[in-house]
Amino acid sequence: MEAGLWSLGVFAIVTVLVFSGRLQAVDAQSALLVNGYDLGGLGTGLMQLFTSYGRELVWGLLVLVMFLFGNRNTKILALELAVLFLLGALVGDLSKILLPRPRPFPTIPVTLRVPNETDSSYPSGHALIVSIGAAFCLARFRRRILAGLITFEAGIVCYSRVYLGVHYPLDVAGGVLLGIAIALVGTSLLRKYVQPHLTRTVEATERILGNGYVDL
């Protein structure tokens, strides 16, 4: 909980700095630096793949596999993660409405490697969602190698958003900080107030589907 509150506080500071314009020049130069380092056809294709499927598909499949094939503890984790993702999507959409920021293109001369997006650039929705997942897995999974691999995937998704020209680095940083805050604070609140309801849901599911076997 405490780490999540710290992350939320840093997110607030970064947000103030972004919209004060004090870091715009540094943010723009950093975006051009990341975007300008051409990874070639294969690397760019991989970045496009991660940005297209590394959020909903990868993390949606993870939740689904955990819930269908996991033991009781893993099923509860799947429900917690699903709730956090839904909360993150709502908070992200609200943040974009309240914090409108133009996308880098055409404000700065980035190379746009995917179709441009028209909603607010801040915070990055991709970074927000995958950071919720990564922070949750690092905090709750006992299988540290799996949590590390998933976190690495989240990092690539975050990098791809700047490389492909649709976000500034501070958009991604804001999404990461907000995602960590939602994951850690949300997990604490879920375990305190919602855990019995999730357990009953899992018990009802087990009576229908049977017990799973994956323990994360």
Protein backbone atom coordinates (compact mmCIF):
# COMPACT_ATOMS: atom_id res chain seq x y z
CA MET A 1 0.00 0.00 0.00
CA GLU A 2 2.72 2.49 0.99
CA ALA A 3 4.71 1.93 -2.21
CA GLY A 4 1.52 2.43 -4.21
CA LEU A 5 0.81 5.74 -2.48
CA TRP A 6 4.37 6.88 -3.16
CA SER A 7 3.91 5.98 -6.82
CA LEU A 8 0.68 7.97 -6.91
CA GLY A 9 2.45 10.95 -5.39
CA VAL A 10 5.24 10.81 -7.96
CA PHE A 11 2.61 10.53 -10.71
CA ALA A 12 1.04 13.74 -9.42
CA ILE A 13 4.43 15.49 -9.50
CA VAL A 14 5.19 14.28 -13.04
CA THR A 15 1.72 15.39 -14.16
CA VAL A 16 2.27 18.90 -12.80
CA LEU A 17 5.66 19.11 -14.50
CA VAL A 18 4.28 17.86 -17.82
CA PHE A 19 1.41 20.33 -17.94
CA SER A 20 3.47 23.23 -16.65
CA GLY A 21 5.55 22.87 -19.81
CA ARG A 22 8.84 22.90 -17.88
CA LEU A 23 9.91 19.49 -19.20
CA GLN A 24 8.47 19.79 -22.72
CA ALA A 25 11.82 20.42 -24.39
CA VAL A 26 13.50 17.51 -22.60
CA ASP A 27 10.51 15.25 -23.26
CA ALA A 28 10.49 16.14 -26.96
CA GLN A 29 14.23 15.54 -27.34
CA SER A 30 13.95 12.21 -25.53
CA ALA A 31 11.08 11.19 -27.80
CA LEU A 32 13.11 12.06 -30.88
CA LEU A 33 16.10 10.13 -29.53
CA VAL A 34 14.12 6.93 -28.91
CA ASN A 35 12.05 7.28 -32.07
CA GLY A 36 15.05 8.14 -34.21
CA TYR A 37 17.00 4.97 -33.39
CA ASP A 38 15.78 2.78 -36.25
CA LEU A 39 15.52 -0.89 -35.28
CA GLY A 40 15.18 -1.98 -38.89
CA GLY A 41 12.33 -3.86 -40.51
CA LEU A 42 12.35 -6.81 -38.12
CA GLY A 43 12.70 -4.70 -34.98
CA THR A 44 10.00 -2.27 -36.09
CA GLY A 45 7.70 -5.16 -36.93
CA LEU A 46 8.22 -6.60 -33.45
CA MET A 47 7.47 -3.24 -31.85
CA GLN A 48 4.27 -2.99 -33.89
CA LEU A 49 3.38 -6.52 -32.80
CA PHE A 50 3.93 -5.75 -29.12
CA THR A 51 2.01 -2.49 -29.28
CA SER A 52 -0.93 -4.17 -31.06
CA TYR A 53 -1.17 -7.38 -29.03
CA GLY A 54 0.98 -6.91 -25.93
CA ARG A 55 -1.76 -5.26 -23.90
CA GLU A 56 -5.26 -6.76 -24.32
CA LEU A 57 -4.27 -10.09 -25.91
CA VAL A 58 -1.31 -11.07 -23.71
CA TRP A 59 -2.80 -9.91 -20.43
CA GLY A 60 -6.33 -11.01 -21.28
CA LEU A 61 -5.05 -14.51 -22.09
CA LEU A 62 -3.05 -14.57 -18.85
CA VAL A 63 -6.15 -13.81 -16.78
CA LEU A 64 -8.19 -16.37 -18.73
CA VAL A 65 -5.61 -19.15 -18.34
CA MET A 66 -5.19 -18.38 -14.64
CA PHE A 67 -8.93 -18.53 -14.04
CA LEU A 68 -9.68 -21.64 -16.13
CA PHE A 69 -6.69 -23.76 -15.20
CA GLY A 70 -5.48 -22.37 -11.90
CA ASN A 71 -6.02 -23.76 -8.44
CA ARG A 72 -8.16 -21.79 -6.00
CA ASN A 73 -5.43 -19.29 -5.12
CA THR A 74 -4.59 -18.68 -8.79
CA LYS A 75 -8.25 -18.20 -9.68
CA ILE A 76 -8.57 -15.57 -6.95
CA LEU A 77 -5.46 -13.84 -8.33
CA ALA A 78 -7.05 -13.87 -11.79
CA LEU A 79 -10.20 -12.18 -10.50
CA GLU A 80 -8.17 -9.57 -8.61
CA LEU A 81 -6.13 -8.81 -11.71
CA ALA A 82 -9.25 -8.57 -13.87
CA VAL A 83 -10.82 -6.09 -11.45
CA LEU A 84 -7.63 -4.01 -11.41
CA PHE A 85 -7.52 -3.97 -15.22
CA LEU A 86 -11.12 -2.73 -15.38
CA LEU A 87 -10.35 -0.07 -12.79
CA GLY A 88 -7.22 0.92 -14.70
CA ALA A 89 -9.15 1.26 -17.96
CA LEU A 90 -11.70 3.53 -16.30
CA VAL A 91 -9.06 5.66 -14.56
CA GLY A 92 -7.02 5.87 -17.76
CA ASP A 93 -9.98 7.04 -19.83
CA LEU A 94 -10.92 9.61 -17.20
CA SER A 95 -7.33 10.85 -16.98
CA LYS A 96 -7.19 11.37 -20.73
CA ILE A 97 -10.38 13.44 -20.57
CA LEU A 98 -9.16 15.56 -17.66
CA LEU A 99 -5.55 15.83 -18.87
CA PRO A 100 -5.62 16.56 -22.62
CA ARG A 101 -2.18 16.56 -24.23
CA PRO A 102 -1.49 16.48 -27.99
CA ARG A 103 0.29 13.47 -29.43
CA PRO A 104 3.93 13.99 -30.49
CA PHE A 105 3.03 13.88 -34.19
CA PRO A 106 2.81 16.41 -35.80
CA THR A 107 4.02 18.67 -32.95
CA ILE A 108 7.57 17.32 -33.26
CA PRO A 109 9.16 15.62 -36.30
CA VAL A 110 8.88 12.00 -35.13
CA THR A 111 8.64 9.11 -37.55
CA LEU A 112 5.12 7.75 -37.15
CA ARG A 113 5.33 3.96 -37.57
CA VAL A 114 1.68 3.17 -36.78
CA PRO A 115 -1.54 5.10 -37.50
CA ASN A 116 -1.73 8.22 -35.37
CA GLU A 117 -4.16 8.28 -32.45
CA THR A 118 -6.41 11.20 -31.64
CA ASP A 119 -7.09 10.90 -27.91
CA SER A 120 -4.91 12.52 -25.24
CA SER A 121 -1.30 11.44 -25.18
CA TYR A 122 -1.12 11.55 -21.36
CA PRO A 123 -0.96 9.13 -19.68
CA SER A 124 -0.16 6.21 -21.96
CA GLY A 125 -3.02 3.72 -21.73
CA HIS A 126 -0.79 0.87 -22.86
CA ALA A 127 1.79 1.66 -20.19
CA LEU A 128 -0.93 2.00 -17.56
CA ILE A 129 -2.49 -1.41 -18.20
CA VAL A 130 0.71 -3.45 -18.60
CA SER A 131 2.21 -1.77 -15.53
CA ILE A 132 -0.81 -2.79 -13.47
CA GLY A 133 -0.19 -6.34 -14.61
CA ALA A 134 3.56 -6.27 -14.06
CA ALA A 135 3.35 -4.69 -10.61
CA PHE A 136 0.64 -7.14 -9.57
CA CYS A 137 2.63 -10.15 -10.76
CA LEU A 138 5.83 -8.99 -9.05
CA ALA A 139 3.93 -8.42 -5.82
CA ARG A 140 1.73 -11.54 -5.78
CA PHE A 141 3.29 -14.32 -7.88
CA ARG A 142 5.52 -16.83 -6.13
CA ARG A 143 7.02 -17.87 -9.47
CA ARG A 144 9.56 -15.09 -9.77
CA ILE A 145 10.87 -16.12 -13.20
CA LEU A 146 7.36 -15.94 -14.67
CA ALA A 147 6.75 -12.56 -13.02
CA GLY A 148 10.07 -11.33 -14.42
CA LEU A 149 9.28 -12.47 -17.97
CA ILE A 150 5.87 -10.83 -17.86
CA THR A 151 7.42 -7.62 -16.55
CA PHE A 152 9.94 -7.71 -19.40
CA GLU A 153 7.04 -7.97 -21.86
CA ALA A 154 5.42 -4.96 -20.22
CA GLY A 155 8.67 -3.03 -20.61
CA ILE A 156 8.79 -3.75 -24.34
CA VAL A 157 5.21 -2.57 -24.76
CA CYS A 158 6.10 0.69 -22.98
CA TYR A 159 9.19 1.21 -25.13
CA SER A 160 7.23 0.50 -28.32
CA ARG A 161 4.85 3.40 -27.66
CA VAL A 162 7.67 5.94 -27.83
CA TYR A 163 9.59 4.16 -30.60
CA LEU A 164 6.53 4.04 -32.83
CA GLY A 165 5.97 7.79 -32.41
CA VAL A 166 2.62 7.88 -30.59
CA HIS A 167 3.82 8.92 -27.11
CA TYR A 168 6.34 11.08 -25.31
CA PRO A 169 8.52 9.30 -22.71
CA LEU A 170 6.76 11.16 -19.88
CA ASP A 171 3.41 9.88 -21.16
CA VAL A 172 4.75 6.39 -20.61
CA ALA A 173 6.31 7.31 -17.26
CA GLY A 174 2.96 8.71 -16.12
CA GLY A 175 1.19 5.53 -17.21
CA VAL A 176 3.72 3.34 -15.40
CA LEU A 177 3.48 5.31 -12.15
CA LEU A 178 -0.31 5.37 -12.23
CA GLY A 179 -0.42 1.68 -13.08
CA ILE A 180 1.84 0.75 -10.15
CA ALA A 181 -0.30 2.86 -7.82
CA ILE A 182 -3.52 1.19 -8.98
CA ALA A 183 -2.01 -2.28 -8.71
CA LEU A 184 -0.56 -1.91 -5.22
CA VAL A 185 -3.24 0.24 -3.58
CA GLY A 186 -5.99 -1.66 -5.37
CA THR A 187 -4.64 -5.05 -4.32
CA SER A 188 -4.52 -3.95 -0.70
CA LEU A 189 -8.11 -2.70 -0.81
CA LEU A 190 -9.35 -5.81 -2.62
CA ARG A 191 -7.78 -8.13 -0.07
CA LYS A 192 -9.26 -6.08 2.78
CA TYR A 193 -12.80 -5.53 1.51
CA VAL A 194 -13.55 -7.82 -1.45
CA GLN A 195 -11.62 -11.04 -0.79
CA PRO A 196 -14.62 -13.01 0.65
CA HIS A 197 -16.72 -12.22 -2.43
CA LEU A 198 -13.93 -13.31 -4.77
CA THR A 199 -13.46 -16.53 -2.81
CA ARG A 200 -17.16 -17.36 -3.03
CA THR A 201 -17.08 -16.69 -6.78
CA VAL A 202 -14.14 -19.07 -7.19
CA GLU A 203 -15.81 -21.74 -5.06
CA ALA A 204 -18.91 -21.55 -7.25
CA THR A 205 -16.73 -21.80 -10.36
CA GLU A 206 -14.92 -24.85 -9.01
CA ARG A 207 -18.21 -26.64 -8.53
CA ILE A 208 -18.89 -26.11 -12.23
CA LEU A 209 -15.45 -26.45 -13.81
CA GLY A 210 -13.63 -28.49 -11.20
CA ASN A 211 -10.37 -27.67 -9.46
CA GLY A 212 -7.45 -26.31 -11.46
CA TYR A 213 -3.82 -27.19 -11.06
CA VAL A 214 -1.70 -24.12 -11.82
CA ASP A 215 -0.29 -22.40 -8.75
CA LEU A 216 1.30 -18.99 -9.30
